[in-house]
């Protein structure tokens, strides 16, 4: 995890390298003539995951290459935006749609497996006029709110903790099944796991804690269900989006949520 401050903005960049390298057959890191760093993770099934980073370690592109040679660019980032934090937040007109709220924000505890899949597979709730870099998507609520969300309320966290009790892991069954089915149908799907905290503690501590919660769920999906880690990305939002409006401790606010963000991302093949 890398925490930087630019023009008064706190930017947390989660280094997903370790999660991508887990159970790899081999890993190759090389410096390209243009100064960029390319990391190639070789999987035992023949898949390669190629990550391109700039001189500051910021991810510019992630590509999945199947053993057939077919390449899928999962996401990309504009290298200029790191020096212009304001460009990462995109403002859009107010969102208006007719979908019932319980179909727009789905609580996993009450949802049948078919509804979990349907929620992930659903198109955005309004026409997406353009596609965006990953950094813009995860930092812009107006962009994210165009796709449906699943609140994984079957997973709970103790105050100050990001660890998931082993007894709760099977609560991810329906989530994992839906993700795996979608990736089987479309190998370039990307799912965002969002971490959240309650309002107890400092803003910076909560940003870091929420990021770890999201990363923990991503790790569990790969470790226990074989969800390809390259199809998952994580982001912590701290206490910015409380589910229950309270400044005190709240289990409901210590949570993770998920969205399929593929329709929002700009890549060569979309």
C-alpha atoms as a PDB file:
ATOM      1  CA  UNK A   1       0.000   0.000   0.000  1.00  0.00           C
ATOM      2  CA  UNK A   2       1.387   3.412  -1.004  1.00  0.00           C
ATOM      3  CA  UNK A   3       0.022   6.595   0.568  1.00  0.00           C
ATOM      4  CA  UNK A   4       0.838   9.899  -1.129  1.00  0.00           C
ATOM      5  CA  UNK A   5      -0.323  13.469  -0.718  1.00  0.00           C
ATOM      6  CA  UNK A   6      -0.801  15.688  -3.742  1.00  0.00           C
ATOM      7  CA  UNK A   7      -2.254  19.200  -3.544  1.00  0.00           C
ATOM      8  CA  UNK A   8      -3.972  18.411  -0.258  1.00  0.00           C
ATOM      9  CA  UNK A   9      -5.417  15.141  -1.552  1.00  0.00           C
ATOM     10  CA  UNK A  10      -4.601  11.823   0.117  1.00  0.00           C
ATOM     11  CA  UNK A  11      -4.178   9.104  -2.503  1.00  0.00           C
ATOM     12  CA  UNK A  12      -3.925   5.456  -1.480  1.00  0.00           C
ATOM     13  CA  UNK A  13      -2.609   3.154  -4.183  1.00  0.00           C
ATOM     14  CA  UNK A  14      -2.962  -0.480  -3.324  1.00  0.00           C
ATOM     15  CA  UNK A  15      -0.024  -2.539  -4.539  1.00  0.00           C
ATOM     16  CA  UNK A  16      -1.692  -5.705  -5.809  1.00  0.00           C
ATOM     17  CA  UNK A  17       1.603  -7.350  -6.796  1.00  0.00           C
ATOM     18  CA  UNK A  18       1.623  -9.961  -4.040  1.00  0.00           C
ATOM     19  CA  UNK A  19      -1.925 -11.056  -4.755  1.00  0.00           C
ATOM     20  CA  UNK A  20      -1.152 -11.443  -8.461  1.00  0.00           C
ATOM     21  CA  UNK A  21       2.045 -13.407  -7.767  1.00  0.00           C
ATOM     22  CA  UNK A  22       0.469 -15.937  -5.402  1.00  0.00           C
ATOM     23  CA  UNK A  23       0.769 -19.511  -6.720  1.00  0.00           C
ATOM     24  CA  UNK A  24       2.551 -18.344  -9.876  1.00  0.00           C
ATOM     25  CA  UNK A  25       4.800 -20.750 -11.766  1.00  0.00           C
ATOM     26  CA  UNK A  26       7.277 -17.938 -12.403  1.00  0.00           C
ATOM     27  CA  UNK A  27       7.532 -14.142 -12.304  1.00  0.00           C
ATOM     28  CA  UNK A  28       9.630 -11.998 -14.630  1.00  0.00           C
ATOM     29  CA  UNK A  29      10.311  -8.300 -14.008  1.00  0.00           C
ATOM     30  CA  UNK A  30      12.127  -6.217 -16.575  1.00  0.00           C
ATOM     31  CA  UNK A  31      12.867  -2.557 -17.258  1.00  0.00           C
ATOM     32  CA  UNK A  32      11.847  -1.457 -20.744  1.00  0.00           C
ATOM     33  CA  UNK A  33      13.898   0.963 -22.883  1.00  0.00           C
ATOM     34  CA  UNK A  34      11.332   3.729 -22.239  1.00  0.00           C
ATOM     35  CA  UNK A  35      11.872   3.446 -18.474  1.00  0.00           C
ATOM     36  CA  UNK A  36       8.629   1.607 -17.749  1.00  0.00           C
ATOM     37  CA  UNK A  37       8.592  -1.607 -15.737  1.00  0.00           C
ATOM     38  CA  UNK A  38       6.909  -4.735 -17.058  1.00  0.00           C
ATOM     39  CA  UNK A  39       6.004  -7.600 -14.743  1.00  0.00           C
ATOM     40  CA  UNK A  40       4.916 -10.913 -16.253  1.00  0.00           C
ATOM     41  CA  UNK A  41       3.295 -13.484 -13.981  1.00  0.00           C
ATOM     42  CA  UNK A  42       3.280 -16.977 -15.483  1.00  0.00           C
ATOM     43  CA  UNK A  43       0.468 -19.220 -14.260  1.00  0.00           C
ATOM     44  CA  UNK A  44       0.537 -23.011 -14.232  1.00  0.00           C
ATOM     45  CA  UNK A  45      -2.418 -23.132 -16.646  1.00  0.00           C
ATOM     46  CA  UNK A  46      -0.429 -21.210 -19.273  1.00  0.00           C
ATOM     47  CA  UNK A  47      -2.033 -17.847 -18.566  1.00  0.00           C
ATOM     48  CA  UNK A  48       0.184 -14.772 -18.354  1.00  0.00           C
ATOM     49  CA  UNK A  49      -0.679 -11.575 -16.483  1.00  0.00           C
ATOM     50  CA  UNK A  50       1.297  -8.570 -17.702  1.00  0.00           C
ATOM     51  CA  UNK A  51       1.397  -5.410 -15.601  1.00  0.00           C
ATOM     52  CA  UNK A  52       2.988  -2.212 -16.898  1.00  0.00           C
ATOM     53  CA  UNK A  53       4.113   0.427 -14.371  1.00  0.00           C
ATOM     54  CA  UNK A  54       5.606   3.890 -14.651  1.00  0.00           C
ATOM     55  CA  UNK A  55       8.782   5.058 -12.908  1.00  0.00           C
ATOM     56  CA  UNK A  56       6.795   5.780  -9.730  1.00  0.00           C
ATOM     57  CA  UNK A  57       5.362   2.266  -9.582  1.00  0.00           C
ATOM     58  CA  UNK A  58       1.895   3.340 -10.694  1.00  0.00           C
ATOM     59  CA  UNK A  59       0.015   0.750 -12.739  1.00  0.00           C
ATOM     60  CA  UNK A  60      -0.575   1.875 -16.309  1.00  0.00           C
ATOM     61  CA  UNK A  61      -2.064  -1.299 -17.747  1.00  0.00           C
ATOM     62  CA  UNK A  62      -2.957  -4.868 -16.857  1.00  0.00           C
ATOM     63  CA  UNK A  63      -3.284  -7.486 -19.585  1.00  0.00           C
ATOM     64  CA  UNK A  64      -4.359 -11.110 -19.409  1.00  0.00           C
ATOM     65  CA  UNK A  65      -2.905 -13.475 -22.026  1.00  0.00           C
ATOM     66  CA  UNK A  66      -4.510 -16.915 -22.327  1.00  0.00           C
ATOM     67  CA  UNK A  67      -2.526 -20.018 -23.240  1.00  0.00           C
ATOM     68  CA  UNK A  68      -4.093 -19.717 -26.708  1.00  0.00           C
ATOM     69  CA  UNK A  69      -2.298 -16.392 -27.166  1.00  0.00           C
ATOM     70  CA  UNK A  70      -5.499 -14.338 -26.973  1.00  0.00           C
ATOM     71  CA  UNK A  71      -4.830 -11.042 -25.167  1.00  0.00           C
ATOM     72  CA  UNK A  72      -7.312  -9.119 -23.020  1.00  0.00           C
ATOM     73  CA  UNK A  73      -6.473  -5.641 -21.768  1.00  0.00           C
ATOM     74  CA  UNK A  74      -8.313  -5.516 -18.447  1.00  0.00           C
ATOM     75  CA  UNK A  75      -7.758  -1.840 -17.683  1.00  0.00           C
ATOM     76  CA  UNK A  76      -5.447   1.095 -18.290  1.00  0.00           C
ATOM     77  CA  UNK A  77      -4.538   4.428 -16.680  1.00  0.00           C
ATOM     78  CA  UNK A  78      -3.398   7.734 -18.137  1.00  0.00           C
ATOM     79  CA  UNK A  79       0.172   8.329 -16.885  1.00  0.00           C
ATOM     80  CA  UNK A  80      -0.453  12.085 -16.764  1.00  0.00           C
ATOM     81  CA  UNK A  81      -3.306  11.904 -14.261  1.00  0.00           C
ATOM     82  CA  UNK A  82      -1.068  11.043 -11.297  1.00  0.00           C
ATOM     83  CA  UNK A  83       0.226  14.625 -11.329  1.00  0.00           C
ATOM     84  CA  UNK A  84      -3.297  15.995 -11.732  1.00  0.00           C
ATOM     85  CA  UNK A  85      -5.406  14.488  -8.915  1.00  0.00           C
ATOM     86  CA  UNK A  86      -8.394  16.645  -9.830  1.00  0.00           C
ATOM     87  CA  UNK A  87      -8.587  14.803 -13.162  1.00  0.00           C
ATOM     88  CA  UNK A  88      -9.297  11.558 -11.312  1.00  0.00           C
ATOM     89  CA  UNK A  89     -12.703  12.746 -10.105  1.00  0.00           C
ATOM     90  CA  UNK A  90     -15.277  12.973 -12.885  1.00  0.00           C
ATOM     91  CA  UNK A  91     -18.550  14.808 -12.303  1.00  0.00           C
ATOM     92  CA  UNK A  92     -21.655  13.615 -14.119  1.00  0.00           C
ATOM     93  CA  UNK A  93     -25.299  14.772 -14.190  1.00  0.00           C
ATOM     94  CA  UNK A  94     -27.562  13.449 -11.414  1.00  0.00           C
ATOM     95  CA  UNK A  95     -28.513   9.814 -11.839  1.00  0.00           C
ATOM     96  CA  UNK A  96     -32.168   9.132 -12.674  1.00  0.00           C
ATOM     97  CA  UNK A  97     -33.526   5.606 -13.205  1.00  0.00           C
ATOM     98  CA  UNK A  98     -36.646   3.521 -12.510  1.00  0.00           C
ATOM     99  CA  UNK A  99     -35.000   0.439 -11.030  1.00  0.00           C
ATOM    100  CA  UNK A 100     -36.269  -0.526  -7.540  1.00  0.00           C
ATOM    101  CA  UNK A 101     -33.670   0.304  -4.911  1.00  0.00           C
ATOM    102  CA  UNK A 102     -33.390  -3.313  -3.736  1.00  0.00           C
ATOM    103  CA  UNK A 103     -32.380  -4.279  -7.286  1.00  0.00           C
ATOM    104  CA  UNK A 104     -29.880  -1.427  -7.555  1.00  0.00           C
ATOM    105  CA  UNK A 105     -28.199  -2.124  -4.206  1.00  0.00           C
ATOM    106  CA  UNK A 106     -28.519  -5.829  -3.428  1.00  0.00           C
ATOM    107  CA  UNK A 107     -27.866  -7.216   0.049  1.00  0.00           C
ATOM    108  CA  UNK A 108     -26.067 -10.536  -0.382  1.00  0.00           C
ATOM    109  CA  UNK A 109     -27.639 -11.988   2.763  1.00  0.00           C
ATOM    110  CA  UNK A 110     -31.123 -11.801   1.242  1.00  0.00           C
ATOM    111  CA  UNK A 111     -30.234 -12.519  -2.386  1.00  0.00           C
ATOM    112  CA  UNK A 112     -30.627 -15.825  -4.203  1.00  0.00           C
ATOM    113  CA  UNK A 113     -27.659 -16.917  -6.350  1.00  0.00           C
ATOM    114  CA  UNK A 114     -29.559 -16.047  -9.529  1.00  0.00           C
ATOM    115  CA  UNK A 115     -30.016 -12.472  -8.315  1.00  0.00           C
ATOM    116  CA  UNK A 116     -26.309 -12.170  -7.516  1.00  0.00           C
ATOM    117  CA  UNK A 117     -25.455 -13.187 -11.073  1.00  0.00           C
ATOM    118  CA  UNK A 118     -28.168 -10.973 -12.542  1.00  0.00           C
ATOM    119  CA  UNK A 119     -26.881  -7.962 -10.598  1.00  0.00           C
ATOM    120  CA  UNK A 120     -23.313  -8.404 -11.809  1.00  0.00           C
ATOM    121  CA  UNK A 121     -24.395  -9.114 -15.389  1.00  0.00           C
ATOM    122  CA  UNK A 122     -26.831  -6.200 -15.642  1.00  0.00           C
ATOM    123  CA  UNK A 123     -25.921  -3.274 -17.900  1.00  0.00           C
ATOM    124  CA  UNK A 124     -25.404   0.190 -16.392  1.00  0.00           C
ATOM    125  CA  UNK A 125     -28.596   1.844 -15.186  1.00  0.00           C
ATOM    126  CA  UNK A 126     -28.111   4.598 -17.741  1.00  0.00           C
ATOM    127  CA  UNK A 127     -26.232   4.955 -21.015  1.00  0.00           C
ATOM    128  CA  UNK A 128     -22.501   5.326 -20.436  1.00  0.00           C
ATOM    129  CA  UNK A 129     -21.485   8.165 -22.736  1.00  0.00           C
ATOM    130  CA  UNK A 130     -17.766   7.366 -22.590  1.00  0.00           C
ATOM    131  CA  UNK A 131     -15.334   4.921 -20.991  1.00  0.00           C
ATOM    132  CA  UNK A 132     -12.776   5.804 -18.321  1.00  0.00           C
ATOM    133  CA  UNK A 133      -9.391   4.880 -16.910  1.00  0.00           C
ATOM    134  CA  UNK A 134      -9.464   2.620 -13.861  1.00  0.00           C
ATOM    135  CA  UNK A 135      -8.235   5.417 -11.579  1.00  0.00           C
ATOM    136  CA  UNK A 136     -11.088   7.640 -12.729  1.00  0.00           C
ATOM    137  CA  UNK A 137     -13.658   4.896 -12.166  1.00  0.00           C
ATOM    138  CA  UNK A 138     -12.608   4.014  -8.620  1.00  0.00           C
ATOM    139  CA  UNK A 139     -12.237   7.653  -7.548  1.00  0.00           C
ATOM    140  CA  UNK A 140     -15.480   8.984  -9.053  1.00  0.00           C
ATOM    141  CA  UNK A 141     -18.758   8.116  -7.286  1.00  0.00           C
ATOM    142  CA  UNK A 142     -20.713   9.547 -10.225  1.00  0.00           C
ATOM    143  CA  UNK A 143     -19.123   6.972 -12.530  1.00  0.00           C
ATOM    144  CA  UNK A 144     -19.435   4.033 -10.141  1.00  0.00           C
ATOM    145  CA  UNK A 145     -23.062   4.746  -9.352  1.00  0.00           C
ATOM    146  CA  UNK A 146     -23.983   3.931 -12.947  1.00  0.00           C
ATOM    147  CA  UNK A 147     -23.635   0.203 -12.214  1.00  0.00           C
ATOM    148  CA  UNK A 148     -25.428  -1.914  -9.637  1.00  0.00           C
ATOM    149  CA  UNK A 149     -23.841  -2.833  -6.330  1.00  0.00           C
ATOM    150  CA  UNK A 150     -23.822  -5.886  -4.078  1.00  0.00           C
ATOM    151  CA  UNK A 151     -23.361  -5.282  -0.357  1.00  0.00           C
ATOM    152  CA  UNK A 152     -21.623  -8.350   1.038  1.00  0.00           C
ATOM    153  CA  UNK A 153     -23.320  -8.114   4.421  1.00  0.00           C
ATOM    154  CA  UNK A 154     -22.632 -11.818   4.965  1.00  0.00           C
ATOM    155  CA  UNK A 155     -19.047 -10.851   5.822  1.00  0.00           C
ATOM    156  CA  UNK A 156     -18.515  -8.811   9.009  1.00  0.00           C
ATOM    157  CA  UNK A 157     -15.438  -7.212  10.560  1.00  0.00           C
ATOM    158  CA  UNK A 158     -14.489  -6.481  14.144  1.00  0.00           C
ATOM    159  CA  UNK A 159     -13.561  -2.897  15.010  1.00  0.00           C
ATOM    160  CA  UNK A 160     -10.082  -2.127  13.711  1.00  0.00           C
ATOM    161  CA  UNK A 161      -9.747  -5.495  11.949  1.00  0.00           C
ATOM    162  CA  UNK A 162      -9.596  -6.485   8.312  1.00  0.00           C
ATOM    163  CA  UNK A 163      -9.526 -10.237   8.904  1.00  0.00           C
ATOM    164  CA  UNK A 164     -12.456 -12.465   7.961  1.00  0.00           C
ATOM    165  CA  UNK A 165     -13.329 -15.293  10.321  1.00  0.00           C
ATOM    166  CA  UNK A 166     -12.950 -18.690   8.667  1.00  0.00           C
ATOM    167  CA  UNK A 167     -16.564 -19.525   9.529  1.00  0.00           C
ATOM    168  CA  UNK A 168     -17.735 -16.733   7.198  1.00  0.00           C
ATOM    169  CA  UNK A 169     -15.796 -17.692   4.097  1.00  0.00           C
ATOM    170  CA  UNK A 170     -18.512 -19.922   2.640  1.00  0.00           C
ATOM    171  CA  UNK A 171     -20.774 -16.858   2.623  1.00  0.00           C
ATOM    172  CA  UNK A 172     -18.872 -15.924  -0.539  1.00  0.00           C
ATOM    173  CA  UNK A 173     -20.091 -19.018  -2.432  1.00  0.00           C
ATOM    174  CA  UNK A 174     -22.730 -17.273  -4.556  1.00  0.00           C
ATOM    175  CA  UNK A 175     -20.490 -14.268  -5.191  1.00  0.00           C
ATOM    176  CA  UNK A 176     -17.627 -16.480  -6.377  1.00  0.00           C
ATOM    177  CA  UNK A 177     -19.884 -18.659  -8.530  1.00  0.00           C
ATOM    178  CA  UNK A 178     -21.293 -15.614 -10.326  1.00  0.00           C
ATOM    179  CA  UNK A 179     -17.855 -14.093 -10.906  1.00  0.00           C
ATOM    180  CA  UNK A 180     -16.401 -17.343 -12.246  1.00  0.00           C
ATOM    181  CA  UNK A 181     -19.326 -17.838 -14.606  1.00  0.00           C
ATOM    182  CA  UNK A 182     -18.962 -14.318 -15.977  1.00  0.00           C
ATOM    183  CA  UNK A 183     -15.195 -14.654 -16.448  1.00  0.00           C
ATOM    184  CA  UNK A 184     -15.748 -17.964 -18.244  1.00  0.00           C
ATOM    185  CA  UNK A 185     -18.087 -16.157 -20.637  1.00  0.00           C
ATOM    186  CA  UNK A 186     -15.893 -13.061 -20.935  1.00  0.00           C
ATOM    187  CA  UNK A 187     -12.262 -13.302 -19.746  1.00  0.00           C
ATOM    188  CA  UNK A 188     -11.802  -9.514 -19.580  1.00  0.00           C
ATOM    189  CA  UNK A 189     -14.397  -8.899 -16.870  1.00  0.00           C
ATOM    190  CA  UNK A 190     -13.222  -6.645 -14.024  1.00  0.00           C
ATOM    191  CA  UNK A 191     -14.818  -6.558 -10.571  1.00  0.00           C
ATOM    192  CA  UNK A 192     -14.199  -3.843  -7.994  1.00  0.00           C
ATOM    193  CA  UNK A 193     -14.154  -4.804  -4.322  1.00  0.00           C
ATOM    194  CA  UNK A 194     -14.778  -1.755  -2.131  1.00  0.00           C
ATOM    195  CA  UNK A 195     -13.774  -1.634   1.516  1.00  0.00           C
ATOM    196  CA  UNK A 196     -15.554   0.541   4.102  1.00  0.00           C
ATOM    197  CA  UNK A 197     -15.270   1.399   7.796  1.00  0.00           C
ATOM    198  CA  UNK A 198     -17.414   3.022  10.433  1.00  0.00           C
ATOM    199  CA  UNK A 199     -16.643   6.561  11.616  1.00  0.00           C
ATOM    200  CA  UNK A 200     -14.497   5.523  14.589  1.00  0.00           C
ATOM    201  CA  UNK A 201     -10.828   6.472  14.153  1.00  0.00           C
ATOM    202  CA  UNK A 202      -8.931   8.918  11.968  1.00  0.00           C
ATOM    203  CA  UNK A 203      -9.690   9.419   8.289  1.00  0.00           C
ATOM    204  CA  UNK A 204      -6.263   8.185   7.223  1.00  0.00           C
ATOM    205  CA  UNK A 205      -6.381   5.096   9.449  1.00  0.00           C
ATOM    206  CA  UNK A 206      -9.826   4.245   8.125  1.00  0.00           C
ATOM    207  CA  UNK A 207      -8.710   4.609   4.509  1.00  0.00           C
ATOM    208  CA  UNK A 208      -5.876   2.178   5.164  1.00  0.00           C
ATOM    209  CA  UNK A 209      -8.105  -0.235   7.112  1.00  0.00           C
ATOM    210  CA  UNK A 210     -10.826  -0.247   4.465  1.00  0.00           C
ATOM    211  CA  UNK A 211      -8.253  -0.928   1.769  1.00  0.00           C
ATOM    212  CA  UNK A 212      -7.051  -3.976   3.682  1.00  0.00           C
ATOM    213  CA  UNK A 213     -10.632  -5.233   4.064  1.00  0.00           C
ATOM    214  CA  UNK A 214     -11.165  -5.091   0.323  1.00  0.00           C
ATOM    215  CA  UNK A 215      -7.833  -6.802  -0.304  1.00  0.00           C
ATOM    216  CA  UNK A 216      -8.689  -9.549   2.205  1.00  0.00           C
ATOM    217  CA  UNK A 217     -11.908 -10.441   0.382  1.00  0.00           C
ATOM    218  CA  UNK A 218     -10.072 -10.426  -2.959  1.00  0.00           C
ATOM    219  CA  UNK A 219      -7.505 -12.801  -1.485  1.00  0.00           C
ATOM    220  CA  UNK A 220     -10.228 -15.149  -0.183  1.00  0.00           C
ATOM    221  CA  UNK A 221     -11.973 -15.265  -3.556  1.00  0.00           C
ATOM    222  CA  UNK A 222      -8.740 -16.377  -5.189  1.00  0.00           C
ATOM    223  CA  UNK A 223      -7.429 -18.651  -2.438  1.00  0.00           C
ATOM    224  CA  UNK A 224     -10.675 -20.550  -1.784  1.00  0.00           C
ATOM    225  CA  UNK A 225     -12.533 -20.260  -5.102  1.00  0.00           C
ATOM    226  CA  UNK A 226      -9.791 -19.864  -7.740  1.00  0.00           C
ATOM    227  CA  UNK A 227     -11.116 -16.529  -8.965  1.00  0.00           C
ATOM    228  CA  UNK A 228      -8.307 -15.130 -11.164  1.00  0.00           C
ATOM    229  CA  UNK A 229      -6.765 -12.278  -9.150  1.00  0.00           C
ATOM    230  CA  UNK A 230      -6.199 -10.164 -12.257  1.00  0.00           C
ATOM    231  CA  UNK A 231      -9.960  -9.870 -12.754  1.00  0.00           C
ATOM    232  CA  UNK A 232     -10.324  -8.277  -9.312  1.00  0.00           C
ATOM    233  CA  UNK A 233      -9.257  -4.821  -8.207  1.00  0.00           C
ATOM    234  CA  UNK A 234      -9.679  -3.242  -4.790  1.00  0.00           C
ATOM    235  CA  UNK A 235     -10.192   0.188  -3.280  1.00  0.00           C
ATOM    236  CA  UNK A 236     -10.730   1.407   0.277  1.00  0.00           C
ATOM    237  CA  UNK A 237     -13.063   4.340   0.916  1.00  0.00           C
ATOM    238  CA  UNK A 238     -12.720   4.625   4.674  1.00  0.00           C
ATOM    239  CA  UNK A 239     -15.733   6.232   6.326  1.00  0.00           C
ATOM    240  CA  UNK A 240     -16.807   8.256   3.283  1.00  0.00           C
ATOM    241  CA  UNK A 241     -19.912   6.198   2.499  1.00  0.00           C
ATOM    242  CA  UNK A 242     -21.613   5.161   5.716  1.00  0.00           C
ATOM    243  CA  UNK A 243     -24.503   2.747   5.295  1.00  0.00           C
ATOM    244  CA  UNK A 244     -25.855   3.774   8.706  1.00  0.00           C
ATOM    245  CA  UNK A 245     -25.595   7.459   9.616  1.00  0.00           C
ATOM    246  CA  UNK A 246     -23.768   7.297  12.939  1.00  0.00           C
ATOM    247  CA  UNK A 247     -20.455   8.597  14.248  1.00  0.00           C
ATOM    248  CA  UNK A 248     -20.170   5.645  16.638  1.00  0.00           C
ATOM    249  CA  UNK A 249     -19.215   2.008  16.153  1.00  0.00           C
ATOM    250  CA  UNK A 250     -21.378   0.231  13.569  1.00  0.00           C
ATOM    251  CA  UNK A 251     -20.994  -3.299  12.246  1.00  0.00           C
ATOM    252  CA  UNK A 252     -23.181  -2.408   9.261  1.00  0.00           C
ATOM    253  CA  UNK A 253     -20.648   0.222   8.220  1.00  0.00           C
ATOM    254  CA  UNK A 254     -17.665  -2.133   8.543  1.00  0.00           C
ATOM    255  CA  UNK A 255     -18.270  -3.897   5.254  1.00  0.00           C
ATOM    256  CA  UNK A 256     -17.232  -4.668   1.698  1.00  0.00           C
ATOM    257  CA  UNK A 257     -19.238  -4.161  -1.473  1.00  0.00           C
ATOM    258  CA  UNK A 258     -18.733  -5.270  -5.070  1.00  0.00           C
ATOM    259  CA  UNK A 259     -19.540  -4.058  -8.556  1.00  0.00           C
ATOM    260  CA  UNK A 260     -18.752  -5.256 -12.052  1.00  0.00           C
ATOM    261  CA  UNK A 261     -17.045  -2.243 -13.582  1.00  0.00           C
ATOM    262  CA  UNK A 262     -16.237  -3.685 -17.015  1.00  0.00           C
ATOM    263  CA  UNK A 263     -18.823  -1.486 -18.822  1.00  0.00           C
ATOM    264  CA  UNK A 264     -17.157   1.636 -17.402  1.00  0.00           C
ATOM    265  CA  UNK A 265     -13.553   0.882 -18.362  1.00  0.00           C
ATOM    266  CA  UNK A 266     -11.714   2.074 -21.425  1.00  0.00           C
ATOM    267  CA  UNK A 267      -9.481  -0.478 -23.161  1.00  0.00           C
ATOM    268  CA  UNK A 268      -8.545  -1.192 -26.739  1.00  0.00           C
ATOM    269  CA  UNK A 269     -11.109  -3.983 -27.166  1.00  0.00           C
ATOM    270  CA  UNK A 270     -14.095  -2.199 -25.597  1.00  0.00           C
END
